[in-house]
Amino acid sequence: MQFVLKGPNLNKVAELSQKLITQLQAIPELGTLDTNLQLDIPQITLKLDREKARNVGLDTASIGNTLKVLVGLVAKYCLLT
């Protein structure tokens, strides 16, 4: 069984996640419960100007794939240093 909690305020999501786990722990048939919420992961929000991208011959798929590669490279670099 999986529950997905989403929201714009990660601290509130964490609070609600803990409340949900606490309530579900009262049901022994569910067994061990855990969460994969990680509040210490850096995040960035990018706004793509689609018109400018189109004017220089880029589509959103190409930009998205490039960002995935760059994020992967940065993550590997951060882990190695």
C-alpha atoms as a PDB file:
ATOM      1  CA  MET A   1       0.000   0.000   0.000  1.00  0.00           C
ATOM      2  CA  GLN A   2       1.277   3.448  -0.844  1.00  0.00           C
ATOM      3  CA  PHE A   3       0.075   6.919   0.063  1.00  0.00           C
ATOM      4  CA  VAL A   4       1.273   9.998  -1.789  1.00  0.00           C
ATOM      5  CA  LEU A   5       1.121  13.335  -0.021  1.00  0.00           C
ATOM      6  CA  LYS A   6       1.737  16.444  -2.117  1.00  0.00           C
ATOM      7  CA  GLY A   7       1.648  20.141  -1.464  1.00  0.00           C
ATOM      8  CA  PRO A   8       3.441  23.434  -1.952  1.00  0.00           C
ATOM      9  CA  ASN A   9       4.681  23.540   1.647  1.00  0.00           C
ATOM     10  CA  LEU A  10       7.132  20.690   2.310  1.00  0.00           C
ATOM     11  CA  ASN A  11       7.154  21.316   6.049  1.00  0.00           C
ATOM     12  CA  LYS A  12       3.371  20.873   6.153  1.00  0.00           C
ATOM     13  CA  VAL A  13       3.661  17.714   4.024  1.00  0.00           C
ATOM     14  CA  ALA A  14       6.246  16.379   6.496  1.00  0.00           C
ATOM     15  CA  GLU A  15       3.954  17.171   9.428  1.00  0.00           C
ATOM     16  CA  LEU A  16       0.972  15.461   7.800  1.00  0.00           C
ATOM     17  CA  SER A  17       3.134  12.519   6.761  1.00  0.00           C
ATOM     18  CA  GLN A  18       4.199  11.961  10.361  1.00  0.00           C
ATOM     19  CA  LYS A  19       0.593  12.214  11.576  1.00  0.00           C
ATOM     20  CA  LEU A  20      -0.495   9.665   8.972  1.00  0.00           C
ATOM     21  CA  ILE A  21       2.281   7.234   9.941  1.00  0.00           C
ATOM     22  CA  THR A  22       1.406   7.624  13.617  1.00  0.00           C
ATOM     23  CA  GLN A  23      -2.246   6.824  12.952  1.00  0.00           C
ATOM     24  CA  LEU A  24      -1.446   3.903  10.653  1.00  0.00           C
ATOM     25  CA  GLN A  25       0.975   2.401  13.200  1.00  0.00           C
ATOM     26  CA  ALA A  26      -2.071   1.751  15.384  1.00  0.00           C
ATOM     27  CA  ILE A  27      -3.102  -0.894  12.830  1.00  0.00           C
ATOM     28  CA  PRO A  28      -0.809  -3.881  13.534  1.00  0.00           C
ATOM     29  CA  GLU A  29      -1.829  -5.683  10.336  1.00  0.00           C
ATOM     30  CA  LEU A  30      -0.009  -3.053   8.286  1.00  0.00           C
ATOM     31  CA  GLY A  31       3.416  -4.053   9.605  1.00  0.00           C
ATOM     32  CA  THR A  32       6.411  -1.734   9.294  1.00  0.00           C
ATOM     33  CA  LEU A  33       5.778   1.745   7.920  1.00  0.00           C
ATOM     34  CA  ASP A  34       8.236   4.251   6.523  1.00  0.00           C
ATOM     35  CA  THR A  35       8.441   7.440   4.500  1.00  0.00           C
ATOM     36  CA  ASN A  36      10.769   8.575   1.756  1.00  0.00           C
ATOM     37  CA  LEU A  37      10.295  12.297   2.350  1.00  0.00           C
ATOM     38  CA  GLN A  38      13.651  14.080   2.409  1.00  0.00           C
ATOM     39  CA  LEU A  39      13.552  17.749   3.320  1.00  0.00           C
ATOM     40  CA  ASP A  40      17.294  18.311   2.943  1.00  0.00           C
ATOM     41  CA  ILE A  41      17.426  17.854  -0.836  1.00  0.00           C
ATOM     42  CA  PRO A  42      18.238  21.108  -2.651  1.00  0.00           C
ATOM     43  CA  GLN A  43      15.645  22.133  -5.221  1.00  0.00           C
ATOM     44  CA  ILE A  44      15.446  24.660  -7.996  1.00  0.00           C
ATOM     45  CA  THR A  45      12.479  25.842 -10.029  1.00  0.00           C
ATOM     46  CA  LEU A  46      13.021  26.778 -13.653  1.00  0.00           C
ATOM     47  CA  LYS A  47      10.565  28.696 -15.813  1.00  0.00           C
ATOM     48  CA  LEU A  48      11.007  28.002 -19.484  1.00  0.00           C
ATOM     49  CA  ASP A  49      10.221  30.759 -21.956  1.00  0.00           C
ATOM     50  CA  ARG A  50       8.835  28.497 -24.676  1.00  0.00           C
ATOM     51  CA  GLU A  51       8.680  31.265 -27.257  1.00  0.00           C
ATOM     52  CA  LYS A  52      12.356  32.161 -26.850  1.00  0.00           C
ATOM     53  CA  ALA A  53      13.299  28.483 -26.904  1.00  0.00           C
ATOM     54  CA  ARG A  54      11.301  27.943 -30.091  1.00  0.00           C
ATOM     55  CA  ASN A  55      12.920  31.021 -31.677  1.00  0.00           C
ATOM     56  CA  VAL A  56      16.373  29.465 -31.256  1.00  0.00           C
ATOM     57  CA  GLY A  57      15.223  26.052 -32.465  1.00  0.00           C
ATOM     58  CA  LEU A  58      14.857  24.257 -29.125  1.00  0.00           C
ATOM     59  CA  ASP A  59      11.915  22.146 -28.052  1.00  0.00           C
ATOM     60  CA  THR A  60      10.907  21.332 -24.478  1.00  0.00           C
ATOM     61  CA  ALA A  61      11.964  17.682 -24.796  1.00  0.00           C
ATOM     62  CA  SER A  62      15.519  18.653 -25.770  1.00  0.00           C
ATOM     63  CA  ILE A  63      15.754  21.164 -22.938  1.00  0.00           C
ATOM     64  CA  GLY A  64      14.368  18.635 -20.450  1.00  0.00           C
ATOM     65  CA  ASN A  65      16.829  15.950 -21.527  1.00  0.00           C
ATOM     66  CA  THR A  66      19.744  18.381 -21.292  1.00  0.00           C
ATOM     67  CA  LEU A  67      18.688  19.408 -17.788  1.00  0.00           C
ATOM     68  CA  LYS A  68      18.479  15.751 -16.711  1.00  0.00           C
ATOM     69  CA  VAL A  69      22.063  15.214 -17.858  1.00  0.00           C
ATOM     70  CA  LEU A  70      23.299  18.385 -16.154  1.00  0.00           C
ATOM     71  CA  VAL A  71      21.524  17.570 -12.892  1.00  0.00           C
ATOM     72  CA  GLY A  72      22.988  14.060 -13.003  1.00  0.00           C
ATOM     73  CA  LEU A  73      26.488  15.431 -13.536  1.00  0.00           C
ATOM     74  CA  VAL A  74      26.131  17.937 -10.691  1.00  0.00           C
ATOM     75  CA  ALA A  75      24.775  15.238  -8.378  1.00  0.00           C
ATOM     76  CA  LYS A  76      27.699  12.918  -9.210  1.00  0.00           C
ATOM     77  CA  TYR A  77      30.186  15.758  -8.666  1.00  0.00           C
ATOM     78  CA  CYS A  78      28.646  16.641  -5.295  1.00  0.00           C
ATOM     79  CA  LEU A  79      28.802  13.002  -4.179  1.00  0.00           C
ATOM     80  CA  LEU A  80      32.454  12.677  -5.184  1.00  0.00           C
ATOM     81  CA  THR A  81      33.714  15.855  -3.485  1.00  0.00           C
END
